Protein backbone atom coordinates (compact mmCIF):
# COMPACT_ATOMS: atom_id res chain seq x y z
CA MET A 1 66.41 -13.77 -59.44
CA ASN A 2 66.18 -10.68 -61.66
CA LEU A 3 68.04 -7.36 -61.49
CA ASP A 4 64.97 -5.48 -59.96
CA VAL A 5 65.07 -7.76 -56.91
CA VAL A 6 68.80 -7.21 -56.40
CA GLU A 7 68.23 -3.49 -56.69
CA GLN A 8 65.45 -3.66 -54.05
CA LEU A 9 67.78 -5.65 -51.80
CA ILE A 10 70.54 -2.99 -52.17
CA LYS A 11 67.99 -0.07 -51.31
CA MET A 12 66.73 -1.99 -48.28
CA MET A 13 70.24 -2.57 -47.02
CA GLU A 14 71.16 1.08 -47.54
CA LYS A 15 68.21 2.16 -45.39
CA SER A 16 68.87 -0.43 -42.66
CA ALA A 17 71.73 -0.75 -40.08
CA LEU A 18 72.82 -4.07 -41.37
CA SER A 19 76.45 -4.37 -42.41
CA SER A 20 75.97 -7.50 -44.51
CA MET A 21 73.16 -9.63 -45.91
CA GLU A 22 73.16 -12.96 -47.83
CA VAL A 23 70.14 -14.03 -49.77
CA GLN A 24 69.51 -17.44 -51.43
CA TRP A 25 66.63 -17.70 -53.89
CA GLU A 26 65.79 -19.87 -56.87
CA GLY A 27 69.23 -21.28 -56.95
CA MET A 28 70.97 -17.87 -56.99
CA LYS A 29 73.01 -16.56 -54.10
CA VAL A 30 73.57 -12.83 -53.52
CA LYS A 31 75.87 -11.52 -50.74
CA LEU A 32 75.78 -7.76 -49.93
CA GLU A 33 78.25 -5.96 -47.48
CA LYS A 34 78.49 -2.35 -46.54
CA SER A 35 81.95 -1.01 -46.10
CA GLY A 36 82.84 1.36 -43.24
CA VAL A 37 80.19 -0.01 -40.80
CA THR A 38 81.04 -2.84 -38.47
CA SER A 39 78.35 -5.32 -37.13
CA SER A 40 78.86 -3.81 -33.62
CA GLU A 41 78.25 -0.31 -34.92
CA ALA A 42 75.07 -1.49 -36.61
CA PHE A 43 74.00 -3.21 -33.38
CA ASN A 44 74.69 -0.11 -31.26
CA GLU A 45 72.64 2.07 -33.80
CA VAL A 46 69.65 -0.32 -33.51
CA LYS A 47 70.12 -0.38 -29.83
CA GLN A 48 70.22 3.33 -29.53
CA GLU A 49 67.05 3.74 -31.65
CA LYS A 50 65.18 1.26 -29.22
CA ILE A 51 66.46 3.20 -26.14
CA GLU A 52 65.30 6.58 -27.70
CA LYS A 53 61.89 5.05 -28.46
CA LYS A 54 61.46 3.71 -24.90
CA VAL A 55 62.58 7.02 -23.32
CA SER A 56 60.06 8.88 -25.70
CA ASN A 57 57.37 6.47 -24.53
CA VAL A 58 58.21 7.15 -20.86
CA ASP A 59 58.17 10.86 -21.41
CA ASN A 60 54.78 10.61 -22.98
CA LYS A 61 53.41 8.50 -20.14
CA ILE A 62 54.77 11.00 -17.59
CA GLU A 63 53.18 13.92 -19.51
CA GLU A 64 49.89 12.15 -19.65
CA GLY A 65 50.02 11.43 -15.92
CA ILE A 66 50.79 15.14 -15.10
CA ALA A 67 47.87 16.33 -17.34
CA GLU A 68 45.53 13.79 -15.64
CA LYS A 69 46.73 14.95 -12.17
CA LYS A 70 46.27 18.64 -13.04
CA PHE A 71 42.71 17.71 -14.37
CA GLU A 72 41.83 16.26 -10.95
CA GLU A 73 44.00 18.47 -8.79
CA ALA A 74 41.49 20.59 -6.76
CA GLU A 75 38.54 19.28 -5.01
CA ASP A 76 36.49 22.43 -5.43
CA ILE A 77 37.07 22.35 -9.19
CA SER A 78 34.74 20.33 -11.40
CA TYR A 79 33.92 20.07 -15.12
CA ILE A 80 30.76 20.23 -17.04
CA LYS A 81 31.05 17.58 -19.65
CA SER A 82 29.20 17.10 -22.86
CA PRO A 83 26.24 14.65 -22.54
CA MET A 84 26.28 13.90 -26.29
CA VAL A 85 28.27 14.10 -29.56
CA GLY A 86 27.48 17.30 -31.56
CA THR A 87 28.44 20.89 -32.36
CA PHE A 88 28.85 23.28 -29.48
CA TYR A 89 27.29 26.70 -29.53
CA SER A 90 27.91 29.24 -26.85
CA SER A 91 24.85 31.45 -27.72
CA PRO A 92 21.37 30.83 -29.03
CA SER A 93 22.20 32.51 -32.25
CA PRO A 94 25.19 34.25 -33.90
CA ASP A 95 23.86 37.61 -33.20
CA LYS A 96 22.96 37.01 -29.52
CA GLU A 97 25.18 37.20 -26.41
CA THR A 98 26.82 34.05 -24.97
CA PHE A 99 24.92 32.00 -22.39
CA VAL A 100 27.96 32.23 -19.91
CA GLU A 101 31.31 33.86 -19.73
CA VAL A 102 34.40 33.24 -17.61
CA GLY A 103 34.04 34.55 -14.09
CA GLN A 104 30.22 34.35 -14.14
CA ARG A 105 28.41 32.75 -11.33
CA ILE A 106 25.92 29.85 -12.54
CA GLU A 107 23.17 28.07 -10.83
CA LYS A 108 22.01 24.51 -11.23
CA GLY A 109 19.50 24.32 -14.12
CA LYS A 110 20.77 27.47 -16.03
CA VAL A 111 21.36 26.98 -19.65
CA ILE A 112 25.02 27.18 -20.38
CA CYS A 113 25.29 26.16 -24.17
CA ILE A 114 23.59 24.40 -27.00
CA ILE A 115 24.78 21.16 -28.55
CA GLU A 116 23.38 20.53 -31.97
CA ALA A 117 23.01 16.74 -32.75
CA MET A 118 21.13 15.35 -35.66
CA LYS A 119 19.75 18.77 -36.59
CA LEU A 120 18.18 19.13 -33.06
CA MET A 121 19.24 22.06 -30.83
CA ASN A 122 19.79 20.59 -27.29
CA GLU A 123 20.02 23.16 -24.41
CA ILE A 124 22.54 22.10 -21.90
CA GLU A 125 21.99 23.01 -18.30
CA ALA A 126 24.31 23.28 -15.42
CA GLU A 127 24.22 20.44 -13.14
CA GLU A 128 25.57 22.34 -10.10
CA ASP A 129 26.12 25.79 -8.86
CA GLY A 130 29.53 27.36 -9.31
CA THR A 131 31.72 30.04 -11.06
CA ILE A 132 32.96 29.49 -14.68
CA ILE A 133 36.72 29.39 -14.43
CA ASP A 134 37.31 28.46 -18.10
CA ILE A 135 35.45 27.61 -21.33
CA LEU A 136 37.27 24.69 -22.76
CA VAL A 137 35.66 24.59 -26.23
CA HIS A 138 34.96 27.33 -28.91
CA ASP A 139 31.87 28.15 -30.61
CA GLY A 140 31.25 25.72 -33.58
CA ASP A 141 33.59 22.99 -32.17
CA MET A 142 32.65 19.39 -32.38
CA VAL A 143 32.38 17.84 -28.94
CA GLU A 144 32.49 14.12 -28.00
CA TYR A 145 30.36 12.37 -25.29
CA GLY A 146 32.10 13.09 -21.88
CA GLN A 147 34.33 15.80 -23.13
CA PRO A 148 34.94 18.58 -20.66
CA MET A 149 33.42 21.83 -21.89
CA PHE A 150 33.52 24.18 -18.87
CA LYS A 151 35.71 24.22 -15.86
CA ILE A 152 33.90 25.50 -12.70
CA ARG A 153 34.79 26.32 -9.09
CA LYS A 154 32.03 25.00 -6.73
């Protein structure tokens, strides 16, 4: 066992909650002990880290559940989702007006945006009548298949 291995063991132990470590390798035996930390303190630190991680995971799941609930909360609310992956454009060209705006009433079949995919400009039409409540993407954003783009009230 060379000095570099011993130094690595010391560094690993400093970063860990272990209070002692014993390593046997190639006929050599190295025993390392930290002073000032009891094994019960080290155990409690590890236990506390695990508890904090679990609490964090639970908090994330609760937040995801709330977000999903809000997403589905009203029956008269629906979403127009992207039918493909591509770049979202809110107007036919940069110098033209946008297809739709918040508060605007739309009818089924009205062009509401363009999605560029593989150098093709695809006009996306409204699938139902409604009023635009929110536009969830910005001009030039990449959209994924099924990603909500518009929030509408039926």
